PDB file of N, CA and C in Angstrom:
ATOM      1  N   UNK A   1      96.877 106.163 117.738  1.00  0.00           N
ATOM      2  CA  UNK A   1      97.887 105.556 116.860  1.00  0.00           C
ATOM      3  C   UNK A   1      98.904 104.831 117.734  1.00  0.00           C
ATOM      4  N   UNK A   2      99.205 103.617 117.407  1.00  0.00           N
ATOM      5  CA  UNK A   2     100.177 102.858 118.163  1.00  0.00           C
ATOM      6  C   UNK A   2     101.589 103.264 117.788  1.00  0.00           C
ATOM      7  N   UNK A   3     102.469 103.198 118.751  1.00  0.00           N
ATOM      8  CA  UNK A   3     103.856 103.605 118.537  1.00  0.00           C
ATOM      9  C   UNK A   3     104.554 102.778 117.462  1.00  0.00           C
ATOM     10  N   UNK A   4     104.145 101.519 117.287  1.00  0.00           N
ATOM     11  CA  UNK A   4     104.840 100.658 116.332  1.00  0.00           C
ATOM     12  C   UNK A   4     104.731 101.180 114.908  1.00  0.00           C
ATOM     13  N   UNK A   5     103.641 101.867 114.584  1.00  0.00           N
ATOM     14  CA  UNK A   5     103.484 102.413 113.247  1.00  0.00           C
ATOM     15  C   UNK A   5     104.561 103.469 112.997  1.00  0.00           C
ATOM     16  N   UNK A   6     104.796 104.297 113.972  1.00  0.00           N
ATOM     17  CA  UNK A   6     105.821 105.345 113.844  1.00  0.00           C
ATOM     18  C   UNK A   6     107.209 104.708 113.741  1.00  0.00           C
ATOM     19  N   UNK A   7     107.451 103.686 114.542  1.00  0.00           N
ATOM     20  CA  UNK A   7     108.763 103.016 114.509  1.00  0.00           C
ATOM     21  C   UNK A   7     109.024 102.397 113.145  1.00  0.00           C
ATOM     22  N   UNK A   8     108.044 101.694 112.596  1.00  0.00           N
ATOM     23  CA  UNK A   8     108.252 101.072 111.278  1.00  0.00           C
ATOM     24  C   UNK A   8     108.392 102.125 110.182  1.00  0.00           C
ATOM     25  N   UNK A   9     107.674 103.230 110.298  1.00  0.00           N
ATOM     26  CA  UNK A   9     107.848 104.338 109.349  1.00  0.00           C
ATOM     27  C   UNK A   9     109.286 104.844 109.397  1.00  0.00           C
ATOM     28  N   UNK A  10     109.791 105.092 110.603  1.00  0.00           N
ATOM     29  CA  UNK A  10     111.156 105.620 110.753  1.00  0.00           C
ATOM     30  C   UNK A  10     112.207 104.617 110.295  1.00  0.00           C
ATOM     31  N   UNK A  11     111.996 103.351 110.550  1.00  0.00           N
ATOM     32  CA  UNK A  11     112.939 102.325 110.083  1.00  0.00           C
ATOM     33  C   UNK A  11     112.943 102.268 108.557  1.00  0.00           C
ATOM     34  N   UNK A  12     111.755 102.335 107.954  1.00  0.00           N
ATOM     35  CA  UNK A  12     111.660 102.351 106.493  1.00  0.00           C
ATOM     36  C   UNK A  12     112.357 103.560 105.903  1.00  0.00           C
ATOM     37  N   UNK A  13     112.164 104.706 106.538  1.00  0.00           N
ATOM     38  CA  UNK A  13     112.818 105.922 106.083  1.00  0.00           C
ATOM     39  C   UNK A  13     114.333 105.762 106.149  1.00  0.00           C
ATOM     40  N   UNK A  14     114.824 105.295 107.282  1.00  0.00           N
ATOM     41  CA  UNK A  14     116.268 105.107 107.434  1.00  0.00           C
ATOM     42  C   UNK A  14     116.810 104.121 106.408  1.00  0.00           C
ATOM     43  N   UNK A  15     116.104 103.018 106.222  1.00  0.00           N
ATOM     44  CA  UNK A  15     116.585 101.996 105.292  1.00  0.00           C
ATOM     45  C   UNK A  15     116.711 102.536 103.884  1.00  0.00           C
ATOM     46  N   UNK A  16     115.694 103.200 103.387  1.00  0.00           N
ATOM     47  CA  UNK A  16     115.783 103.653 101.996  1.00  0.00           C
ATOM     48  C   UNK A  16     116.708 104.851 101.842  1.00  0.00           C
ATOM     49  N   UNK A  17     116.886 105.633 102.888  1.00  0.00           N
ATOM     50  CA  UNK A  17     117.899 106.679 102.850  1.00  0.00           C
ATOM     51  C   UNK A  17     119.276 106.029 102.669  1.00  0.00           C
ATOM     52  N   UNK A  18     119.540 104.979 103.433  1.00  0.00           N
ATOM     53  CA  UNK A  18     120.816 104.261 103.328  1.00  0.00           C
ATOM     54  C   UNK A  18     120.945 103.598 101.955  1.00  0.00           C
ATOM     55  N   UNK A  19     119.854 103.040 101.429  1.00  0.00           N
ATOM     56  CA  UNK A  19     119.899 102.417 100.101  1.00  0.00           C
ATOM     57  C   UNK A  19     120.231 103.447  99.023  1.00  0.00           C
ATOM     58  N   UNK A  20     119.657 104.630  99.116  1.00  0.00           N
ATOM     59  CA  UNK A  20     119.951 105.679  98.135  1.00  0.00           C
ATOM     60  C   UNK A  20     121.432 106.069  98.194  1.00  0.00           C
ATOM     61  N   UNK A  21     121.968 106.209  99.415  1.00  0.00           N
ATOM     62  CA  UNK A  21     123.382 106.520  99.558  1.00  0.00           C
ATOM     63  C   UNK A  21     124.250 105.376  99.026  1.00  0.00           C
ATOM     64  N   UNK A  22     123.851 104.147  99.341  1.00  0.00           N
ATOM     65  CA  UNK A  22     124.569 102.954  98.868  1.00  0.00           C
ATOM     66  C   UNK A  22     124.653 102.944  97.340  1.00  0.00           C
ATOM     67  N   UNK A  23     123.538 103.209  96.698  1.00  0.00           N
ATOM     68  CA  UNK A  23     123.498 103.206  95.231  1.00  0.00           C
ATOM     69  C   UNK A  23     124.438 104.252  94.662  1.00  0.00           C
ATOM     70  N   UNK A  24     124.449 105.429  95.274  1.00  0.00           N
ATOM     71  CA  UNK A  24     125.337 106.479  94.800  1.00  0.00           C
ATOM     72  C   UNK A  24     126.797 106.109  95.018  1.00  0.00           C
ATOM     73  N   UNK A  25     127.103 105.472  96.135  1.00  0.00           N
ATOM     74  CA  UNK A  25     128.483 105.059  96.407  1.00  0.00           C
ATOM     75  C   UNK A  25     128.939 103.950  95.468  1.00  0.00           C
ATOM     76  N   UNK A  26     128.059 103.008  95.164  1.00  0.00           N
ATOM     77  CA  UNK A  26     128.395 101.953  94.195  1.00  0.00           C
ATOM     78  C   UNK A  26     128.704 102.583  92.845  1.00  0.00           C
ATOM     79  N   UNK A  27     127.890 103.543  92.460  1.00  0.00           N
ATOM     80  CA  UNK A  27     128.090 104.230  91.178  1.00  0.00           C
ATOM     81  C   UNK A  27     129.442 104.931  91.130  1.00  0.00           C
ATOM     82  N   UNK A  28     129.926 105.391  92.272  1.00  0.00           N
ATOM     83  CA  UNK A  28     131.231 106.067  92.324  1.00  0.00           C
ATOM     84  C   UNK A  28     132.391 105.097  92.528  1.00  0.00           C
ATOM     85  N   UNK A  29     132.089 103.820  92.732  1.00  0.00           N
ATOM     86  CA  UNK A  29     133.147 102.832  92.902  1.00  0.00           C
ATOM     87  C   UNK A  29     133.737 102.773  94.309  1.00  0.00           C
ATOM     88  N   UNK A  30     133.011 103.253  95.293  1.00  0.00           N
ATOM     89  CA  UNK A  30     133.491 103.236  96.675  1.00  0.00           C
ATOM     90  C   UNK A  30     133.181 101.872  97.296  1.00  0.00           C
ATOM     91  N   UNK A  31     134.083 100.918  97.096  1.00  0.00           N
ATOM     92  CA  UNK A  31     133.833  99.519  97.442  1.00  0.00           C
ATOM     93  C   UNK A  31     133.636  99.285  98.935  1.00  0.00           C
ATOM     94  N   UNK A  32     134.481  99.824  99.775  1.00  0.00           N
ATOM     95  CA  UNK A  32     134.387  99.554 101.213  1.00  0.00           C
ATOM     96  C   UNK A  32     133.112 100.181 101.792  1.00  0.00           C
ATOM     97  N   UNK A  33     132.860 101.438 101.481  1.00  0.00           N
ATOM     98  CA  UNK A  33     131.644 102.092 101.971  1.00  0.00           C
ATOM     99  C   UNK A  33     130.393 101.363 101.477  1.00  0.00           C
ATOM    100  N   UNK A  34     130.405 100.933 100.231  1.00  0.00           N
ATOM    101  CA  UNK A  34     129.270 100.199  99.660  1.00  0.00           C
ATOM    102  C   UNK A  34     129.048  98.876 100.378  1.00  0.00           C
ATOM    103  N   UNK A  35     130.121  98.184 100.693  1.00  0.00           N
ATOM    104  CA  UNK A  35     130.018  96.896 101.391  1.00  0.00           C
ATOM    105  C   UNK A  35     129.454  97.076 102.798  1.00  0.00           C
ATOM    106  N   UNK A  36     129.905  98.095 103.484  1.00  0.00           N
ATOM    107  CA  UNK A  36     129.398  98.365 104.836  1.00  0.00           C
ATOM    108  C   UNK A  36     127.898  98.684 104.780  1.00  0.00           C
ATOM    109  N   UNK A  37     127.506  99.533 103.856  1.00  0.00           N
ATOM    110  CA  UNK A  37     126.088  99.878 103.733  1.00  0.00           C
ATOM    111  C   UNK A  37     125.250  98.686 103.289  1.00  0.00           C
ATOM    112  N   UNK A  38     125.782  97.850 102.436  1.00  0.00           N
ATOM    113  CA  UNK A  38     125.065  96.652 102.013  1.00  0.00           C
ATOM    114  C   UNK A  38     124.777  95.741 103.205  1.00  0.00           C
ATOM    115  N   UNK A  39     125.752  95.602 104.070  1.00  0.00           N
ATOM    116  CA  UNK A  39     125.566  94.788 105.278  1.00  0.00           C
ATOM    117  C   UNK A  39     124.486  95.403 106.174  1.00  0.00           C
ATOM    118  N   UNK A  40     124.528  96.697 106.368  1.00  0.00           N
ATOM    119  CA  UNK A  40     123.535  97.387 107.185  1.00  0.00           C
ATOM    120  C   UNK A  40     122.138  97.232 106.606  1.00  0.00           C
ATOM    121  N   UNK A  41     122.016  97.370 105.300  1.00  0.00           N
ATOM    122  CA  UNK A  41     120.723  97.229 104.621  1.00  0.00           C
ATOM    123  C   UNK A  41     120.158  95.827 104.821  1.00  0.00           C
ATOM    124  N   UNK A  42     120.992  94.820 104.693  1.00  0.00           N
ATOM    125  CA  UNK A  42     120.549  93.430 104.878  1.00  0.00           C
ATOM    126  C   UNK A  42     120.078  93.198 106.316  1.00  0.00           C
ATOM    127  N   UNK A  43     120.809  93.719 107.268  1.00  0.00           N
ATOM    128  CA  UNK A  43     120.410  93.566 108.679  1.00  0.00           C
ATOM    129  C   UNK A  43     119.063  94.231 108.929  1.00  0.00           C
ATOM    130  N   UNK A  44     118.878  95.438 108.419  1.00  0.00           N
ATOM    131  CA  UNK A  44     117.601  96.132 108.600  1.00  0.00           C
ATOM    132  C   UNK A  44     116.465  95.339 107.960  1.00  0.00           C
ATOM    133  N   UNK A  45     116.652  94.896 106.715  1.00  0.00           N
ATOM    134  CA  UNK A  45     115.605  94.128 106.016  1.00  0.00           C
ATOM    135  C   UNK A  45     115.179  92.908 106.800  1.00  0.00           C
ATOM    136  N   UNK A  46     116.135  92.106 107.205  1.00  0.00           N
ATOM    137  CA  UNK A  46     115.817  90.861 107.890  1.00  0.00           C
ATOM    138  C   UNK A  46     115.234  91.107 109.279  1.00  0.00           C
ATOM    139  N   UNK A  47     115.713  92.136 109.979  1.00  0.00           N
ATOM    140  CA  UNK A  47     115.169  92.462 111.298  1.00  0.00           C
ATOM    141  C   UNK A  47     113.711  92.907 111.194  1.00  0.00           C
ATOM    142  N   UNK A  48     113.390  93.687 110.194  1.00  0.00           N
ATOM    143  CA  UNK A  48     112.005  94.154 110.012  1.00  0.00           C
ATOM    144  C   UNK A  48     111.087  92.980 109.680  1.00  0.00           C
ATOM    145  N   UNK A  49     111.492  92.144 108.753  1.00  0.00           N
ATOM    146  CA  UNK A  49     110.669  90.976 108.390  1.00  0.00           C
ATOM    147  C   UNK A  49     110.451  90.079 109.602  1.00  0.00           C
ATOM    148  N   UNK A  50     111.517  89.782 110.312  1.00  0.00           N
ATOM    149  CA  UNK A  50     111.432  88.943 111.502  1.00  0.00           C
ATOM    150  C   UNK A  50     110.500  89.564 112.542  1.00  0.00           C
ATOM    151  N   UNK A  51     110.667  90.837 112.784  1.00  0.00           N
ATOM    152  CA  UNK A  51     109.843  91.533 113.774  1.00  0.00           C
ATOM    153  C   UNK A  51     108.361  91.500 113.423  1.00  0.00           C
ATOM    154  N   UNK A  52     108.032  91.779 112.180  1.00  0.00           N
ATOM    155  CA  UNK A  52     106.640  91.771 111.750  1.00  0.00           C
ATOM    156  C   UNK A  52     106.051  90.366 111.864  1.00  0.00           C
ATOM    157  N   UNK A  53     106.808  89.350 111.487  1.00  0.00           N
ATOM    158  CA  UNK A  53     106.291  87.990 111.521  1.00  0.00           C
ATOM    159  C   UNK A  53     106.033  87.465 112.937  1.00  0.00           C
ATOM    160  N   UNK A  54     106.867  87.835 113.882  1.00  0.00           N
ATOM    161  CA  UNK A  54     106.709  87.262 115.216  1.00  0.00           C
ATOM    162  C   UNK A  54     105.859  88.114 116.171  1.00  0.00           C
ATOM    163  N   UNK A  55     105.674  89.401 115.872  1.00  0.00           N
ATOM    164  CA  UNK A  55     105.034  90.275 116.848  1.00  0.00           C
ATOM    165  C   UNK A  55     103.563  90.581 116.603  1.00  0.00           C
ATOM    166  N   UNK A  56     103.099  90.499 115.375  1.00  0.00           N
ATOM    167  CA  UNK A  56     101.789  91.050 115.088  1.00  0.00           C
ATOM    168  C   UNK A  56     100.814  90.029 114.528  1.00  0.00           C
ATOM    169  N   UNK A  57      99.535  90.304 114.772  1.00  0.00           N
ATOM    170  CA  UNK A  57      98.487  89.558 114.090  1.00  0.00           C
ATOM    171  C   UNK A  57      98.332  90.129 112.682  1.00  0.00           C
ATOM    172  N   UNK A  58      97.457  89.549 111.890  1.00  0.00           N
ATOM    173  CA  UNK A  58      97.366  89.958 110.489  1.00  0.00           C
ATOM    174  C   UNK A  58      96.948  91.414 110.309  1.00  0.00           C
ATOM    175  N   UNK A  59      96.082  91.933 111.169  1.00  0.00           N
ATOM    176  CA  UNK A  59      95.637  93.326 111.038  1.00  0.00           C
ATOM    177  C   UNK A  59      96.766  94.306 111.341  1.00  0.00           C
ATOM    178  N   UNK A  60      97.463  94.098 112.440  1.00  0.00           N
ATOM    179  CA  UNK A  60      98.558  95.002 112.800  1.00  0.00           C
ATOM    180  C   UNK A  60      99.759  94.839 111.871  1.00  0.00           C
ATOM    181  N   UNK A  61      99.971  93.642 111.351  1.00  0.00           N
ATOM    182  CA  UNK A  61     101.102  93.461 110.455  1.00  0.00           C
ATOM    183  C   UNK A  61     100.898  94.230 109.158  1.00  0.00           C
ATOM    184  N   UNK A  62      99.660  94.318 108.685  1.00  0.00           N
ATOM    185  CA  UNK A  62      99.378  95.089 107.468  1.00  0.00           C
ATOM    186  C   UNK A  62      99.671  96.577 107.729  1.00  0.00           C
ATOM    187  N   UNK A  63      99.254  97.082 108.881  1.00  0.00           N
ATOM    188  CA  UNK A  63      99.534  98.491 109.213  1.00  0.00           C
ATOM    189  C   UNK A  63     101.043  98.737 109.325  1.00  0.00           C
ATOM    190  N   UNK A  64     101.766  97.800 109.910  1.00  0.00           N
ATOM    191  CA  UNK A  64     103.230  97.936 110.026  1.00  0.00           C
ATOM    192  C   UNK A  64     103.882  97.933 108.648  1.00  0.00           C
ATOM    193  N   UNK A  65     103.412  97.077 107.767  1.00  0.00           N
ATOM    194  CA  UNK A  65     103.965  96.998 106.405  1.00  0.00           C
ATOM    195  C   UNK A  65     103.682  98.290 105.642  1.00  0.00           C
ATOM    196  N   UNK A  66     102.481  98.836 105.779  1.00  0.00           N
ATOM    197  CA  UNK A  66     102.134 100.085 105.096  1.00  0.00           C
ATOM    198  C   UNK A  66     102.980 101.234 105.631  1.00  0.00           C
ATOM    199  N   UNK A  67     103.121 101.324 106.953  1.00  0.00           N
ATOM    200  CA  UNK A  67     103.946 102.381 107.541  1.00  0.00           C
ATOM    201  C   UNK A  67     105.393 102.256 107.077  1.00  0.00           C
ATOM    202  N   UNK A  68     105.898 101.031 107.037  1.00  0.00           N
ATOM    203  CA  UNK A  68     107.257 100.760 106.586  1.00  0.00           C
ATOM    204  C   UNK A  68     107.428 101.178 105.119  1.00  0.00           C
ATOM    205  N   UNK A  69     106.467 100.828 104.293  1.00  0.00           N
ATOM    206  CA  UNK A  69     106.529 101.170 102.867  1.00  0.00           C
ATOM    207  C   UNK A  69     106.502 102.684 102.645  1.00  0.00           C
ATOM    208  N   UNK A  70     105.661 103.384 103.393  1.00  0.00           N
ATOM    209  CA  UNK A  70     105.632 104.853 103.283  1.00  0.00           C
ATOM    210  C   UNK A  70     106.963 105.437 103.726  1.00  0.00           C
ATOM    211  N   UNK A  71     107.518 104.897 104.797  1.00  0.00           N
ATOM    212  CA  UNK A  71     108.843 105.340 105.235  1.00  0.00           C
ATOM    213  C   UNK A  71     109.897 105.079 104.177  1.00  0.00           C
ATOM    214  N   UNK A  72     109.791 103.948 103.467  1.00  0.00           N
ATOM    215  CA  UNK A  72     110.719 103.658 102.377  1.00  0.00           C
ATOM    216  C   UNK A  72     110.652 104.747 101.311  1.00  0.00           C
ATOM    217  N   UNK A  73     109.455 105.136 100.941  1.00  0.00           N
ATOM    218  CA  UNK A  73     109.298 106.173  99.918  1.00  0.00           C
ATOM    219  C   UNK A  73     109.890 107.506 100.349  1.00  0.00           C
ATOM    220  N   UNK A  74     109.620 107.897 101.588  1.00  0.00           N
ATOM    221  CA  UNK A  74     110.164 109.159 102.116  1.00  0.00           C
ATOM    222  C   UNK A  74     111.690 109.067 102.212  1.00  0.00           C
ATOM    223  N   UNK A  75     112.191 107.921 102.659  1.00  0.00           N
ATOM    224  CA  UNK A  75     113.648 107.735 102.759  1.00  0.00           C
ATOM    225  C   UNK A  75     114.339 107.815 101.419  1.00  0.00           C
ATOM    226  N   UNK A  76     113.712 107.263 100.393  1.00  0.00           N
ATOM    227  CA  UNK A  76     114.276 107.348  99.045  1.00  0.00           C
ATOM    228  C   UNK A  76     114.335 108.796  98.593  1.00  0.00           C
ATOM    229  N   UNK A  77     113.261 109.533  98.808  1.00  0.00           N
ATOM    230  CA  UNK A  77     113.224 110.948  98.417  1.00  0.00           C
ATOM    231  C   UNK A  77     114.341 111.727  99.115  1.00  0.00           C
ATOM    232  N   UNK A  78     114.455 111.552 100.434  1.00  0.00           N
ATOM    233  CA  UNK A  78     115.482 112.268 101.198  1.00  0.00           C
ATOM    234  C   UNK A  78     116.882 111.824 100.768  1.00  0.00           C
ATOM    235  N   UNK A  79     117.067 110.532 100.548  1.00  0.00           N
ATOM    236  CA  UNK A  79     118.372 110.028 100.133  1.00  0.00           C
ATOM    237  C   UNK A  79     118.822 110.558  98.795  1.00  0.00           C
ATOM    238  N   UNK A  80     117.879 110.726  97.878  1.00  0.00           N
ATOM    239  CA  UNK A  80     118.212 111.267  96.557  1.00  0.00           C
ATOM    240  C   UNK A  80     118.534 112.749  96.660  1.00  0.00           C
ATOM    241  N   UNK A  81     117.834 113.470  97.508  1.00  0.00           N
ATOM    242  CA  UNK A  81     118.059 114.921  97.654  1.00  0.00           C
ATOM    243  C   UNK A  81     119.258 115.266  98.524  1.00  0.00           C
ATOM    244  N   UNK A  82     119.681 114.337  99.394  1.00  0.00           N
ATOM    245  CA  UNK A  82     120.762 114.580 100.337  1.00  0.00           C
ATOM    246  C   UNK A  82     122.090 114.707  99.601  1.00  0.00           C
ATOM    247  N   UNK A  83     122.865 115.726  99.954  1.00  0.00           N
ATOM    248  CA  UNK A  83     124.199 115.918  99.380  1.00  0.00           C
ATOM    249  C   UNK A  83     125.216 115.265 100.309  1.00  0.00           C
ATOM    250  N   UNK A  84     125.899 114.230  99.818  1.00  0.00           N
ATOM    251  CA  UNK A  84     126.807 113.495 100.703  1.00  0.00           C
ATOM    252  C   UNK A  84     128.262 113.919 100.595  1.00  0.00           C
ATOM    253  N   UNK A  85     128.579 114.850  99.731  1.00  0.00           N
ATOM    254  CA  UNK A  85     129.902 115.461  99.640  1.00  0.00           C
ATOM    255  C   UNK A  85     131.080 114.532  99.778  1.00  0.00           C
ATOM    256  N   UNK A  86     131.717 114.533 100.956  1.00  0.00           N
ATOM    257  CA  UNK A  86     132.951 113.790 101.155  1.00  0.00           C
ATOM    258  C   UNK A  86     132.750 112.275 101.076  1.00  0.00           C
ATOM    259  N   UNK A  87     131.552 111.785 101.294  1.00  0.00           N
ATOM    260  CA  UNK A  87     131.298 110.348 101.178  1.00  0.00           C
ATOM    261  C   UNK A  87     131.436 109.871  99.731  1.00  0.00           C
ATOM    262  N   UNK A  88     131.280 110.762  98.790  1.00  0.00           N
ATOM    263  CA  UNK A  88     131.325 110.410  97.378  1.00  0.00           C
ATOM    264  C   UNK A  88     132.763 110.265  96.868  1.00  0.00           C
ATOM    265  N   UNK A  89     133.741 110.691  97.659  1.00  0.00           N
ATOM    266  CA  UNK A  89     135.141 110.522  97.230  1.00  0.00           C
ATOM    267  C   UNK A  89     135.568 109.082  97.408  1.00  0.00           C
ATOM    268  N   UNK A  90     136.404 108.601  96.539  1.00  0.00           N
ATOM    269  CA  UNK A  90     136.909 107.223  96.616  1.00  0.00           C
ATOM    270  C   UNK A  90     137.923 107.088  97.721  1.00  0.00           C
TER     271      UNK A  90
END
């Protein structure tokens, strides 16, 4: 297994964990925290797309996309289950 598959999985996990937290913060009206996370999410999205487009052939890019997508699913699950306590305060 190539290391890039693990890296894209972990990046996907991190991204959707942050998206889940972002969604919860928006729901609570935490404008500054939401804006910071929105910026981070955009940077991650664009960096991943750019990286996949310039680094891989079609076969490896499909594996990277699948690993990234699985990481997204795991990150969403963890983000929903994670208790953020003090972050939820306005």
